[in-house]
């Protein structure tokens, strides 16, 4: 019985090591990288999709941290996405409120992690969004095309999310 228990324990240990050894990493891409400078260009038209991508961005922040890279992240909201980061929900259907709640939750969590966020004033003007009603932590900028240009010139990776 002791031999069976020992063999079972050994098999479980080897299985655990095998699973751990097979876990994917980003080691090759992150070699020599100390700071992950990235700006996400968010131009979504659907609250459910935006909520999903914000969840993945939160995971990306954790993945960078877990792999020893300090995240330096910026979220740049433009286009119709600016309508989904406002406290004004009149333009949305009640069925979309759960996704708007998720967006609000993700933004708050990212803000707590030090992620900077901005909203395009061209888009807020075109889509009739009052910048005074933007969710906490989202700062209006004059034009996200200009700010994206500047961030890229400063060495930030620009990741488009449409």
Protein backbone atom coordinates (compact mmCIF):
# COMPACT_ATOMS: atom_id res chain seq x y z
CA UNK A 1 0.00 0.00 0.00
CA UNK A 2 2.90 2.36 0.79
CA UNK A 3 4.40 1.67 -2.62
CA UNK A 4 1.11 2.50 -4.39
CA UNK A 5 0.75 5.71 -2.37
CA UNK A 6 4.36 6.66 -3.14
CA UNK A 7 3.91 5.97 -6.85
CA UNK A 8 0.70 7.99 -6.89
CA UNK A 9 2.43 10.89 -5.15
CA UNK A 10 5.32 10.70 -7.61
CA UNK A 11 2.92 10.65 -10.58
CA UNK A 12 1.05 13.68 -9.25
CA UNK A 13 4.31 15.54 -8.68
CA UNK A 14 5.52 14.81 -12.21
CA UNK A 15 2.16 15.87 -13.63
CA UNK A 16 2.32 19.16 -11.70
CA UNK A 17 5.85 19.80 -12.98
CA UNK A 18 4.81 18.95 -16.52
CA UNK A 19 1.85 21.35 -16.41
CA UNK A 20 4.04 24.06 -14.89
CA UNK A 21 6.79 23.52 -17.47
CA UNK A 22 4.30 23.77 -20.36
CA UNK A 23 2.76 27.06 -19.17
CA UNK A 24 3.26 29.67 -21.91
CA UNK A 25 5.30 32.79 -21.24
CA UNK A 26 6.30 35.89 -23.14
CA UNK A 27 9.95 35.56 -22.09
CA UNK A 28 11.36 35.90 -25.61
CA UNK A 29 9.40 39.06 -26.37
CA UNK A 30 10.10 40.60 -22.97
CA UNK A 31 13.83 39.85 -22.91
CA UNK A 32 15.59 42.97 -21.64
CA UNK A 33 12.30 44.87 -21.23
CA UNK A 34 11.86 46.58 -17.88
CA UNK A 35 8.88 48.80 -18.68
CA UNK A 36 5.91 47.94 -20.90
CA UNK A 37 5.00 51.24 -22.57
CA UNK A 38 1.71 50.78 -24.39
CA UNK A 39 -1.21 52.94 -25.46
CA UNK A 40 -4.47 51.22 -26.37
CA UNK A 41 -6.34 53.05 -29.13
CA UNK A 42 -9.96 52.27 -28.20
CA UNK A 43 -12.51 52.99 -30.91
CA UNK A 44 -15.28 50.48 -30.22
CA UNK A 45 -18.92 50.82 -31.21
CA UNK A 46 -20.43 48.19 -28.90
CA UNK A 47 -20.50 48.21 -25.06
CA UNK A 48 -20.17 44.42 -24.82
CA UNK A 49 -17.04 44.43 -26.98
CA UNK A 50 -15.48 47.36 -25.11
CA UNK A 51 -16.14 45.64 -21.76
CA UNK A 52 -14.47 42.47 -23.08
CA UNK A 53 -11.37 44.33 -24.29
CA UNK A 54 -11.06 46.26 -21.02
CA UNK A 55 -11.10 42.92 -19.18
CA UNK A 56 -8.28 41.69 -21.45
CA UNK A 57 -6.34 44.94 -20.86
CA UNK A 58 -6.61 44.33 -17.11
CA UNK A 59 -5.25 40.82 -17.68
CA UNK A 60 -2.45 42.27 -19.81
CA UNK A 61 -1.48 44.59 -16.95
CA UNK A 62 -1.32 41.56 -14.62
CA UNK A 63 0.61 39.50 -17.18
CA UNK A 64 3.26 42.20 -17.57
CA UNK A 65 3.60 42.51 -13.80
CA UNK A 66 3.75 38.74 -13.29
CA UNK A 67 6.56 38.51 -15.85
CA UNK A 68 8.64 41.22 -14.16
CA UNK A 69 7.77 44.12 -16.46
CA UNK A 70 6.46 47.41 -15.06
CA UNK A 71 3.31 48.38 -17.00
CA UNK A 72 3.13 51.96 -18.29
CA UNK A 73 -0.31 51.96 -19.89
CA UNK A 74 -2.55 54.58 -21.44
CA UNK A 75 -6.10 54.10 -22.69
CA UNK A 76 -7.06 56.52 -25.47
CA UNK A 77 -10.82 56.51 -26.12
CA UNK A 78 -11.97 57.97 -29.42
CA UNK A 79 -14.83 57.70 -31.88
CA UNK A 80 -18.05 56.20 -30.61
CA UNK A 81 -16.20 54.65 -27.66
CA UNK A 82 -16.44 58.03 -25.89
CA UNK A 83 -20.18 57.51 -25.50
CA UNK A 84 -19.54 54.42 -23.34
CA UNK A 85 -17.24 56.15 -20.84
CA UNK A 86 -19.76 58.76 -19.77
CA UNK A 87 -22.10 58.73 -16.82
CA UNK A 88 -24.90 59.68 -19.26
CA UNK A 89 -26.60 56.46 -20.38
CA UNK A 90 -29.66 57.90 -22.11
CA UNK A 91 -28.52 56.82 -25.57
CA UNK A 92 -28.26 53.15 -24.55
CA UNK A 93 -30.80 50.35 -24.25
CA UNK A 94 -31.46 48.90 -20.81
CA UNK A 95 -30.03 45.59 -22.03
CA UNK A 96 -26.66 47.31 -22.49
CA UNK A 97 -26.45 48.62 -18.93
CA UNK A 98 -24.74 45.48 -17.61
CA UNK A 99 -21.93 46.04 -20.13
CA UNK A 100 -21.71 49.73 -19.22
CA UNK A 101 -21.45 48.67 -15.56
CA UNK A 102 -18.61 46.31 -16.49
CA UNK A 103 -16.86 49.11 -18.41
CA UNK A 104 -17.14 51.36 -15.36
CA UNK A 105 -15.76 48.61 -13.10
CA UNK A 106 -12.80 47.89 -15.40
CA UNK A 107 -11.96 51.58 -15.72
CA UNK A 108 -12.02 52.03 -11.93
CA UNK A 109 -9.78 48.97 -11.42
CA UNK A 110 -7.32 50.13 -14.08
CA UNK A 111 -7.26 53.65 -12.63
CA UNK A 112 -6.35 52.15 -9.24
CA UNK A 113 -3.40 50.40 -10.91
CA UNK A 114 -2.13 53.72 -12.25
CA UNK A 115 -3.31 53.35 -15.84
CA UNK A 116 -3.78 56.76 -17.46
CA UNK A 117 -6.91 57.36 -19.54
CA UNK A 118 -7.91 60.03 -21.98
CA UNK A 119 -10.86 60.91 -24.17
CA UNK A 120 -10.81 62.66 -27.53
CA UNK A 121 -12.50 66.07 -27.45
CA UNK A 122 -13.15 65.87 -31.19
CA UNK A 123 -15.15 62.67 -30.61
CA UNK A 124 -16.98 63.99 -27.55
CA UNK A 125 -18.03 67.02 -29.60
CA UNK A 126 -19.13 64.92 -32.60
CA UNK A 127 -21.07 62.41 -30.47
CA UNK A 128 -22.55 64.96 -28.06
CA UNK A 129 -20.79 63.73 -24.90
CA UNK A 130 -20.38 66.24 -22.09
CA UNK A 131 -16.74 65.98 -20.94
CA UNK A 132 -17.92 66.89 -17.44
CA UNK A 133 -19.74 63.54 -17.35
CA UNK A 134 -16.75 61.37 -18.26
CA UNK A 135 -16.07 58.59 -15.78
CA UNK A 136 -13.59 59.47 -13.01
CA UNK A 137 -9.98 59.32 -14.11
CA UNK A 138 -10.62 59.96 -17.81
CA UNK A 139 -9.08 63.22 -18.94
CA UNK A 140 -10.18 64.99 -22.12
CA UNK A 141 -7.43 65.73 -24.65
CA UNK A 142 -7.76 67.96 -27.66
CA UNK A 143 -7.35 65.25 -30.30
CA UNK A 144 -6.38 61.60 -29.77
CA UNK A 145 -4.85 61.42 -33.26
CA UNK A 146 -2.35 64.00 -32.01
CA UNK A 147 -1.81 62.30 -28.64
CA UNK A 148 -1.38 58.87 -30.28
CA UNK A 149 1.23 60.44 -32.57
CA UNK A 150 3.03 61.85 -29.54
CA UNK A 151 2.93 58.63 -27.55
CA UNK A 152 4.28 56.62 -30.47
CA UNK A 153 7.11 59.16 -30.90
CA UNK A 154 7.87 58.68 -27.18
CA UNK A 155 8.31 54.94 -27.70
CA UNK A 156 4.88 53.63 -26.69
CA UNK A 157 3.53 50.64 -28.59
CA UNK A 158 0.16 51.58 -30.07
CA UNK A 159 -2.38 48.76 -30.02
CA UNK A 160 -5.57 49.49 -31.99
CA UNK A 161 -8.78 48.06 -30.59
CA UNK A 162 -11.80 48.53 -32.85
